[in-house]
Each structure stands twice: as structure tokens, then as C-alpha cells.
PDB file of N, CA and C in Angstrom:
ATOM      1  N   UNK A   1      39.534  12.421  39.789  1.00  0.00           N
ATOM      2  CA  UNK A   1      38.651  13.124  38.882  1.00  0.00           C
ATOM      3  C   UNK A   1      37.855  12.113  38.061  1.00  0.00           C
ATOM      4  N   UNK A   2      36.545  12.344  37.968  1.00  0.00           N
ATOM      5  CA  UNK A   2      35.669  11.419  37.265  1.00  0.00           C
ATOM      6  C   UNK A   2      35.599  11.771  35.784  1.00  0.00           C
ATOM      7  N   UNK A   3      35.717  10.760  34.955  1.00  0.00           N
ATOM      8  CA  UNK A   3      35.679  10.960  33.504  1.00  0.00           C
ATOM      9  C   UNK A   3      34.231  11.020  33.033  1.00  0.00           C
ATOM     10  N   UNK A   4      33.925  11.967  32.134  1.00  0.00           N
ATOM     11  CA  UNK A   4      32.568  12.102  31.602  1.00  0.00           C
ATOM     12  C   UNK A   4      32.294  11.004  30.586  1.00  0.00           C
ATOM     13  N   UNK A   5      31.056  10.510  30.601  1.00  0.00           N
ATOM     14  CA  UNK A   5      30.648   9.528  29.608  1.00  0.00           C
ATOM     15  C   UNK A   5      30.369  10.232  28.290  1.00  0.00           C
ATOM     16  N   UNK A   6      30.253   9.452  27.228  1.00  0.00           N
ATOM     17  CA  UNK A   6      29.947  10.032  25.913  1.00  0.00           C
ATOM     18  C   UNK A   6      28.604  10.754  25.935  1.00  0.00           C
ATOM     19  N   UNK A   7      27.613  10.202  26.647  1.00  0.00           N
ATOM     20  CA  UNK A   7      26.307  10.835  26.718  1.00  0.00           C
ATOM     21  C   UNK A   7      26.413  12.186  27.420  1.00  0.00           C
ATOM     22  N   UNK A   8      27.173  12.246  28.508  1.00  0.00           N
ATOM     23  CA  UNK A   8      27.346  13.503  29.228  1.00  0.00           C
ATOM     24  C   UNK A   8      28.039  14.538  28.342  1.00  0.00           C
ATOM     25  N   UNK A   9      29.054  14.103  27.588  1.00  0.00           N
ATOM     26  CA  UNK A   9      29.745  15.013  26.673  1.00  0.00           C
ATOM     27  C   UNK A   9      28.781  15.515  25.603  1.00  0.00           C
ATOM     28  N   UNK A  10      27.984  14.608  25.060  1.00  0.00           N
ATOM     29  CA  UNK A  10      27.012  14.981  24.027  1.00  0.00           C
ATOM     30  C   UNK A  10      25.989  15.951  24.586  1.00  0.00           C
ATOM     31  N   UNK A  11      25.492  15.703  25.793  1.00  0.00           N
ATOM     32  CA  UNK A  11      24.516  16.605  26.411  1.00  0.00           C
ATOM     33  C   UNK A  11      25.093  18.005  26.580  1.00  0.00           C
ATOM     34  N   UNK A  12      26.345  18.088  27.003  1.00  0.00           N
ATOM     35  CA  UNK A  12      27.003  19.386  27.170  1.00  0.00           C
ATOM     36  C   UNK A  12      27.135  20.080  25.812  1.00  0.00           C
ATOM     37  N   UNK A  13      27.532  19.333  24.794  1.00  0.00           N
ATOM     38  CA  UNK A  13      27.687  19.910  23.451  1.00  0.00           C
ATOM     39  C   UNK A  13      26.351  20.394  22.903  1.00  0.00           C
ATOM     40  N   UNK A  14      25.290  19.649  23.149  1.00  0.00           N
ATOM     41  CA  UNK A  14      23.957  20.059  22.686  1.00  0.00           C
ATOM     42  C   UNK A  14      23.531  21.342  23.376  1.00  0.00           C
ATOM     43  N   UNK A  15      23.736  21.416  24.688  1.00  0.00           N
ATOM     44  CA  UNK A  15      23.390  22.637  25.423  1.00  0.00           C
ATOM     45  C   UNK A  15      24.182  23.826  24.891  1.00  0.00           C
ATOM     46  N   UNK A  16      25.463  23.626  24.607  1.00  0.00           N
ATOM     47  CA  UNK A  16      26.288  24.706  24.063  1.00  0.00           C
ATOM     48  C   UNK A  16      25.771  25.151  22.705  1.00  0.00           C
ATOM     49  N   UNK A  17      25.371  24.193  21.869  1.00  0.00           N
ATOM     50  CA  UNK A  17      24.821  24.515  20.554  1.00  0.00           C
ATOM     51  C   UNK A  17      23.541  25.326  20.697  1.00  0.00           C
ATOM     52  N   UNK A  18      22.648  24.900  21.572  1.00  0.00           N
ATOM     53  CA  UNK A  18      21.385  25.607  21.793  1.00  0.00           C
ATOM     54  C   UNK A  18      21.661  27.026  22.288  1.00  0.00           C
ATOM     55  N   UNK A  19      22.585  27.179  23.211  1.00  0.00           N
ATOM     56  CA  UNK A  19      22.912  28.506  23.738  1.00  0.00           C
ATOM     57  C   UNK A  19      23.457  29.400  22.629  1.00  0.00           C
ATOM     58  N   UNK A  20      24.335  28.866  21.798  1.00  0.00           N
ATOM     59  CA  UNK A  20      24.886  29.670  20.698  1.00  0.00           C
ATOM     60  C   UNK A  20      23.793  30.069  19.704  1.00  0.00           C
ATOM     61  N   UNK A  21      22.862  29.163  19.436  1.00  0.00           N
ATOM     62  CA  UNK A  21      21.753  29.505  18.536  1.00  0.00           C
ATOM     63  C   UNK A  21      20.865  30.572  19.170  1.00  0.00           C
ATOM     64  N   UNK A  22      20.634  30.472  20.475  1.00  0.00           N
ATOM     65  CA  UNK A  22      19.808  31.467  21.166  1.00  0.00           C
ATOM     66  C   UNK A  22      20.463  32.841  21.164  1.00  0.00           C
ATOM     67  N   UNK A  23      21.772  32.885  21.218  1.00  0.00           N
ATOM     68  CA  UNK A  23      22.479  34.167  21.197  1.00  0.00           C
ATOM     69  C   UNK A  23      22.212  34.945  19.910  1.00  0.00           C
ATOM     70  N   UNK A  24      21.839  34.235  18.849  1.00  0.00           N
ATOM     71  CA  UNK A  24      21.539  34.876  17.566  1.00  0.00           C
ATOM     72  C   UNK A  24      20.131  35.461  17.521  1.00  0.00           C
ATOM     73  N   UNK A  25      19.313  35.109  18.481  1.00  0.00           N
ATOM     74  CA  UNK A  25      17.926  35.579  18.545  1.00  0.00           C
ATOM     75  C   UNK A  25      17.913  37.079  18.853  1.00  0.00           C
ATOM     76  N   UNK A  26      17.011  37.849  18.214  1.00  0.00           N
ATOM     77  CA  UNK A  26      16.965  39.300  18.464  1.00  0.00           C
ATOM     78  C   UNK A  26      16.687  39.629  19.928  1.00  0.00           C
ATOM     79  N   UNK A  27      17.360  40.666  20.436  1.00  0.00           N
ATOM     80  CA  UNK A  27      17.200  41.072  21.835  1.00  0.00           C
ATOM     81  C   UNK A  27      15.816  41.614  22.147  1.00  0.00           C
ATOM     82  N   UNK A  28      15.151  42.178  21.156  1.00  0.00           N
ATOM     83  CA  UNK A  28      13.867  42.828  21.411  1.00  0.00           C
ATOM     84  C   UNK A  28      12.672  41.887  21.260  1.00  0.00           C
ATOM     85  N   UNK A  29      12.923  40.607  21.091  1.00  0.00           N
ATOM     86  CA  UNK A  29      11.849  39.613  20.945  1.00  0.00           C
ATOM     87  C   UNK A  29      11.851  38.666  22.128  1.00  0.00           C
ATOM     88  N   UNK A  30      10.683  38.170  22.475  1.00  0.00           N
ATOM     89  CA  UNK A  30      10.555  37.170  23.537  1.00  0.00           C
ATOM     90  C   UNK A  30      10.264  35.808  22.940  1.00  0.00           C
ATOM     91  N   UNK A  31      10.553  34.775  23.712  1.00  0.00           N
ATOM     92  CA  UNK A  31      10.307  33.400  23.301  1.00  0.00           C
ATOM     93  C   UNK A  31       9.209  32.852  24.202  1.00  0.00           C
ATOM     94  N   UNK A  32       8.145  32.345  23.594  1.00  0.00           N
ATOM     95  CA  UNK A  32       7.043  31.773  24.358  1.00  0.00           C
ATOM     96  C   UNK A  32       7.206  30.264  24.418  1.00  0.00           C
ATOM     97  N   UNK A  33       7.141  29.739  25.633  1.00  0.00           N
ATOM     98  CA  UNK A  33       7.249  28.294  25.847  1.00  0.00           C
ATOM     99  C   UNK A  33       5.915  27.799  26.399  1.00  0.00           C
ATOM    100  N   UNK A  34       4.930  27.699  25.545  1.00  0.00           N
ATOM    101  CA  UNK A  34       3.617  27.188  25.918  1.00  0.00           C
ATOM    102  C   UNK A  34       3.065  27.780  27.195  1.00  0.00           C
ATOM    103  N   UNK A  35       2.637  26.910  28.099  1.00  0.00           N
ATOM    104  CA  UNK A  35       2.030  27.320  29.373  1.00  0.00           C
ATOM    105  C   UNK A  35       3.036  27.939  30.333  1.00  0.00           C
ATOM    106  N   UNK A  36       4.328  27.763  30.058  1.00  0.00           N
ATOM    107  CA  UNK A  36       5.357  28.258  30.979  1.00  0.00           C
ATOM    108  C   UNK A  36       5.556  29.761  30.893  1.00  0.00           C
ATOM    109  N   UNK A  37       5.091  30.373  29.817  1.00  0.00           N
ATOM    110  CA  UNK A  37       5.175  31.819  29.707  1.00  0.00           C
ATOM    111  C   UNK A  37       6.119  32.286  28.620  1.00  0.00           C
ATOM    112  N   UNK A  38       6.396  33.579  28.667  1.00  0.00           N
ATOM    113  CA  UNK A  38       7.227  34.248  27.680  1.00  0.00           C
ATOM    114  C   UNK A  38       8.521  34.694  28.350  1.00  0.00           C
ATOM    115  N   UNK A  39       9.636  34.523  27.657  1.00  0.00           N
ATOM    116  CA  UNK A  39      10.945  34.786  28.250  1.00  0.00           C
ATOM    117  C   UNK A  39      11.818  35.580  27.294  1.00  0.00           C
ATOM    118  N   UNK A  40      12.725  36.369  27.866  1.00  0.00           N
ATOM    119  CA  UNK A  40      13.725  37.045  27.041  1.00  0.00           C
ATOM    120  C   UNK A  40      14.780  36.031  26.633  1.00  0.00           C
ATOM    121  N   UNK A  41      15.582  36.412  25.681  1.00  0.00           N
ATOM    122  CA  UNK A  41      16.669  35.552  25.228  1.00  0.00           C
ATOM    123  C   UNK A  41      17.594  35.198  26.401  1.00  0.00           C
ATOM    124  N   UNK A  42      17.963  36.182  27.202  1.00  0.00           N
ATOM    125  CA  UNK A  42      18.870  35.938  28.326  1.00  0.00           C
ATOM    126  C   UNK A  42      18.248  35.022  29.386  1.00  0.00           C
ATOM    127  N   UNK A  43      16.941  35.165  29.610  1.00  0.00           N
ATOM    128  CA  UNK A  43      16.267  34.283  30.568  1.00  0.00           C
ATOM    129  C   UNK A  43      16.299  32.836  30.084  1.00  0.00           C
ATOM    130  N   UNK A  44      16.019  32.631  28.803  1.00  0.00           N
ATOM    131  CA  UNK A  44      16.028  31.272  28.242  1.00  0.00           C
ATOM    132  C   UNK A  44      17.432  30.684  28.316  1.00  0.00           C
ATOM    133  N   UNK A  45      18.444  31.477  27.982  1.00  0.00           N
ATOM    134  CA  UNK A  45      19.827  30.999  28.066  1.00  0.00           C
ATOM    135  C   UNK A  45      20.138  30.572  29.500  1.00  0.00           C
ATOM    136  N   UNK A  46      19.696  31.352  30.476  1.00  0.00           N
ATOM    137  CA  UNK A  46      19.896  30.997  31.882  1.00  0.00           C
ATOM    138  C   UNK A  46      19.230  29.688  32.243  1.00  0.00           C
ATOM    139  N   UNK A  47      18.023  29.465  31.734  1.00  0.00           N
ATOM    140  CA  UNK A  47      17.320  28.206  32.010  1.00  0.00           C
ATOM    141  C   UNK A  47      18.051  27.019  31.380  1.00  0.00           C
ATOM    142  N   UNK A  48      18.565  27.197  30.169  1.00  0.00           N
ATOM    143  CA  UNK A  48      19.320  26.117  29.519  1.00  0.00           C
ATOM    144  C   UNK A  48      20.588  25.823  30.316  1.00  0.00           C
ATOM    145  N   UNK A  49      21.283  26.861  30.774  1.00  0.00           N
ATOM    146  CA  UNK A  49      22.501  26.668  31.555  1.00  0.00           C
ATOM    147  C   UNK A  49      22.209  25.946  32.876  1.00  0.00           C
ATOM    148  N   UNK A  50      21.073  26.276  33.510  1.00  0.00           N
ATOM    149  CA  UNK A  50      20.698  25.637  34.780  1.00  0.00           C
ATOM    150  C   UNK A  50      20.197  24.215  34.577  1.00  0.00           C
ATOM    151  N   UNK A  51      19.809  23.897  33.335  1.00  0.00           N
ATOM    152  CA  UNK A  51      19.271  22.580  32.996  1.00  0.00           C
ATOM    153  C   UNK A  51      17.987  22.296  33.768  1.00  0.00           C
ATOM    154  N   UNK A  52      17.168  23.346  33.955  1.00  0.00           N
ATOM    155  CA  UNK A  52      15.880  23.158  34.619  1.00  0.00           C
ATOM    156  C   UNK A  52      14.821  22.752  33.588  1.00  0.00           C
ATOM    157  N   UNK A  53      13.576  22.639  34.015  1.00  0.00           N
ATOM    158  CA  UNK A  53      12.511  22.150  33.128  1.00  0.00           C
ATOM    159  C   UNK A  53      12.339  23.028  31.885  1.00  0.00           C
ATOM    160  N   UNK A  54      12.370  24.334  32.061  1.00  0.00           N
ATOM    161  CA  UNK A  54      12.212  25.234  30.908  1.00  0.00           C
ATOM    162  C   UNK A  54      13.415  25.092  29.979  1.00  0.00           C
ATOM    163  N   UNK A  55      14.597  24.996  30.546  1.00  0.00           N
ATOM    164  CA  UNK A  55      15.799  24.792  29.735  1.00  0.00           C
ATOM    165  C   UNK A  55      15.747  23.493  28.959  1.00  0.00           C
ATOM    166  N   UNK A  56      15.278  22.440  29.602  1.00  0.00           N
ATOM    167  CA  UNK A  56      15.154  21.146  28.923  1.00  0.00           C
ATOM    168  C   UNK A  56      14.137  21.215  27.788  1.00  0.00           C
ATOM    169  N   UNK A  57      13.045  21.950  28.014  1.00  0.00           N
ATOM    170  CA  UNK A  57      12.047  22.113  26.950  1.00  0.00           C
ATOM    171  C   UNK A  57      12.650  22.849  25.761  1.00  0.00           C
ATOM    172  N   UNK A  58      13.426  23.889  26.033  1.00  0.00           N
ATOM    173  CA  UNK A  58      14.038  24.661  24.951  1.00  0.00           C
ATOM    174  C   UNK A  58      15.020  23.806  24.171  1.00  0.00           C
ATOM    175  N   UNK A  59      15.797  22.985  24.862  1.00  0.00           N
ATOM    176  CA  UNK A  59      16.732  22.079  24.189  1.00  0.00           C
ATOM    177  C   UNK A  59      15.951  21.096  23.312  1.00  0.00           C
ATOM    178  N   UNK A  60      14.862  20.548  23.829  1.00  0.00           N
ATOM    179  CA  UNK A  60      14.050  19.609  23.047  1.00  0.00           C
ATOM    180  C   UNK A  60      13.457  20.288  21.814  1.00  0.00           C
ATOM    181  N   UNK A  61      13.002  21.525  21.966  1.00  0.00           N
ATOM    182  CA  UNK A  61      12.441  22.281  20.838  1.00  0.00           C
ATOM    183  C   UNK A  61      13.503  22.488  19.767  1.00  0.00           C
ATOM    184  N   UNK A  62      14.690  22.915  20.181  1.00  0.00           N
ATOM    185  CA  UNK A  62      15.776  23.157  19.233  1.00  0.00           C
ATOM    186  C   UNK A  62      16.198  21.870  18.529  1.00  0.00           C
ATOM    187  N   UNK A  63      16.297  20.773  19.280  1.00  0.00           N
ATOM    188  CA  UNK A  63      16.673  19.497  18.664  1.00  0.00           C
ATOM    189  C   UNK A  63      15.627  19.047  17.654  1.00  0.00           C
ATOM    190  N   UNK A  64      14.366  19.223  17.998  1.00  0.00           N
ATOM    191  CA  UNK A  64      13.288  18.866  17.084  1.00  0.00           C
ATOM    192  C   UNK A  64      13.379  19.690  15.797  1.00  0.00           C
ATOM    193  N   UNK A  65      13.628  20.984  15.956  1.00  0.00           N
ATOM    194  CA  UNK A  65      13.765  21.867  14.796  1.00  0.00           C
ATOM    195  C   UNK A  65      14.944  21.434  13.921  1.00  0.00           C
ATOM    196  N   UNK A  66      16.094  21.171  14.537  1.00  0.00           N
ATOM    197  CA  UNK A  66      17.281  20.799  13.767  1.00  0.00           C
ATOM    198  C   UNK A  66      17.102  19.461  13.054  1.00  0.00           C
ATOM    199  N   UNK A  67      16.422  18.514  13.708  1.00  0.00           N
ATOM    200  CA  UNK A  67      16.157  17.226  13.064  1.00  0.00           C
ATOM    201  C   UNK A  67      15.217  17.397  11.878  1.00  0.00           C
ATOM    202  N   UNK A  68      14.209  18.252  12.019  1.00  0.00           N
ATOM    203  CA  UNK A  68      13.284  18.521  10.918  1.00  0.00           C
ATOM    204  C   UNK A  68      14.019  19.214   9.771  1.00  0.00           C
ATOM    205  N   UNK A  69      14.898  20.130  10.111  1.00  0.00           N
ATOM    206  CA  UNK A  69      15.685  20.833   9.092  1.00  0.00           C
ATOM    207  C   UNK A  69      16.551  19.852   8.336  1.00  0.00           C
ATOM    208  N   UNK A  70      17.198  18.949   9.066  1.00  0.00           N
ATOM    209  CA  UNK A  70      18.075  17.952   8.444  1.00  0.00           C
ATOM    210  C   UNK A  70      17.295  17.016   7.535  1.00  0.00           C
ATOM    211  N   UNK A  71      16.123  16.608   7.950  1.00  0.00           N
ATOM    212  CA  UNK A  71      15.343  15.645   7.166  1.00  0.00           C
ATOM    213  C   UNK A  71      14.634  16.292   5.974  1.00  0.00           C
ATOM    214  N   UNK A  72      14.623  17.620   5.926  1.00  0.00           N
ATOM    215  CA  UNK A  72      13.998  18.305   4.807  1.00  0.00           C
ATOM    216  C   UNK A  72      12.520  18.577   4.996  1.00  0.00           C
ATOM    217  N   UNK A  73      11.959  18.229   6.137  1.00  0.00           N
ATOM    218  CA  UNK A  73      10.542  18.413   6.402  1.00  0.00           C
ATOM    219  C   UNK A  73      10.143  19.878   6.225  1.00  0.00           C
ATOM    220  N   UNK A  74      11.009  20.773   6.617  1.00  0.00           N
ATOM    221  CA  UNK A  74      10.681  22.211   6.554  1.00  0.00           C
ATOM    222  C   UNK A  74      10.660  22.744   5.134  1.00  0.00           C
ATOM    223  N   UNK A  75      11.205  21.988   4.190  1.00  0.00           N
ATOM    224  CA  UNK A  75      11.292  22.471   2.820  1.00  0.00           C
ATOM    225  C   UNK A  75      10.355  21.737   1.859  1.00  0.00           C
ATOM    226  N   UNK A  76       9.571  20.807   2.382  1.00  0.00           N
ATOM    227  CA  UNK A  76       8.632  20.089   1.512  1.00  0.00           C
ATOM    228  C   UNK A  76       7.522  21.032   1.070  1.00  0.00           C
ATOM    229  N   UNK A  77       7.101  20.834  -0.175  1.00  0.00           N
ATOM    230  CA  UNK A  77       6.023  21.683  -0.718  1.00  0.00           C
ATOM    231  C   UNK A  77       4.688  21.006  -0.649  1.00  0.00           C
TER     232      UNK A  77
END
């Protein structure tokens, strides 16, 4: 059995975090990912789980948001 590297563990944890945050999104709303189109919450979760291009974009968007939240950028006046 192959042991996961720290980066692989972190990537899995990030995907899990993004999926849990997406689960909180309202069912009756769609998420638009630029030119890629509009998706339901369940569709986006599926893309994140598959780790395809749309899923990777959603993970990057969420990470960017969380980093901005942490740095206080979202609360500057």
C-alpha cells in the first residue's frame, strides 16, 4: 500500500472542505463558473469529487475566497 504525501493529504482535505461548504449552498440556486456555464449545487459537488477542470476551478475560487476572508480584504471599508 502506497503512503499519501502531505500534499496529497492536504489536497483531499481541501476538496472535502469545499464540498462541505457547497452543501450549505441553497438547493434552488445555481452557481455560474464563467464561460463554463451554470451548475446546480449537486453538479458542482460532482465536479469537485471528479477533480475535473470545473471542479478545480471551484476549489480555486473557494480557496481564494477563504484567503481573502482570512486576510480581512472582504471587511475593509
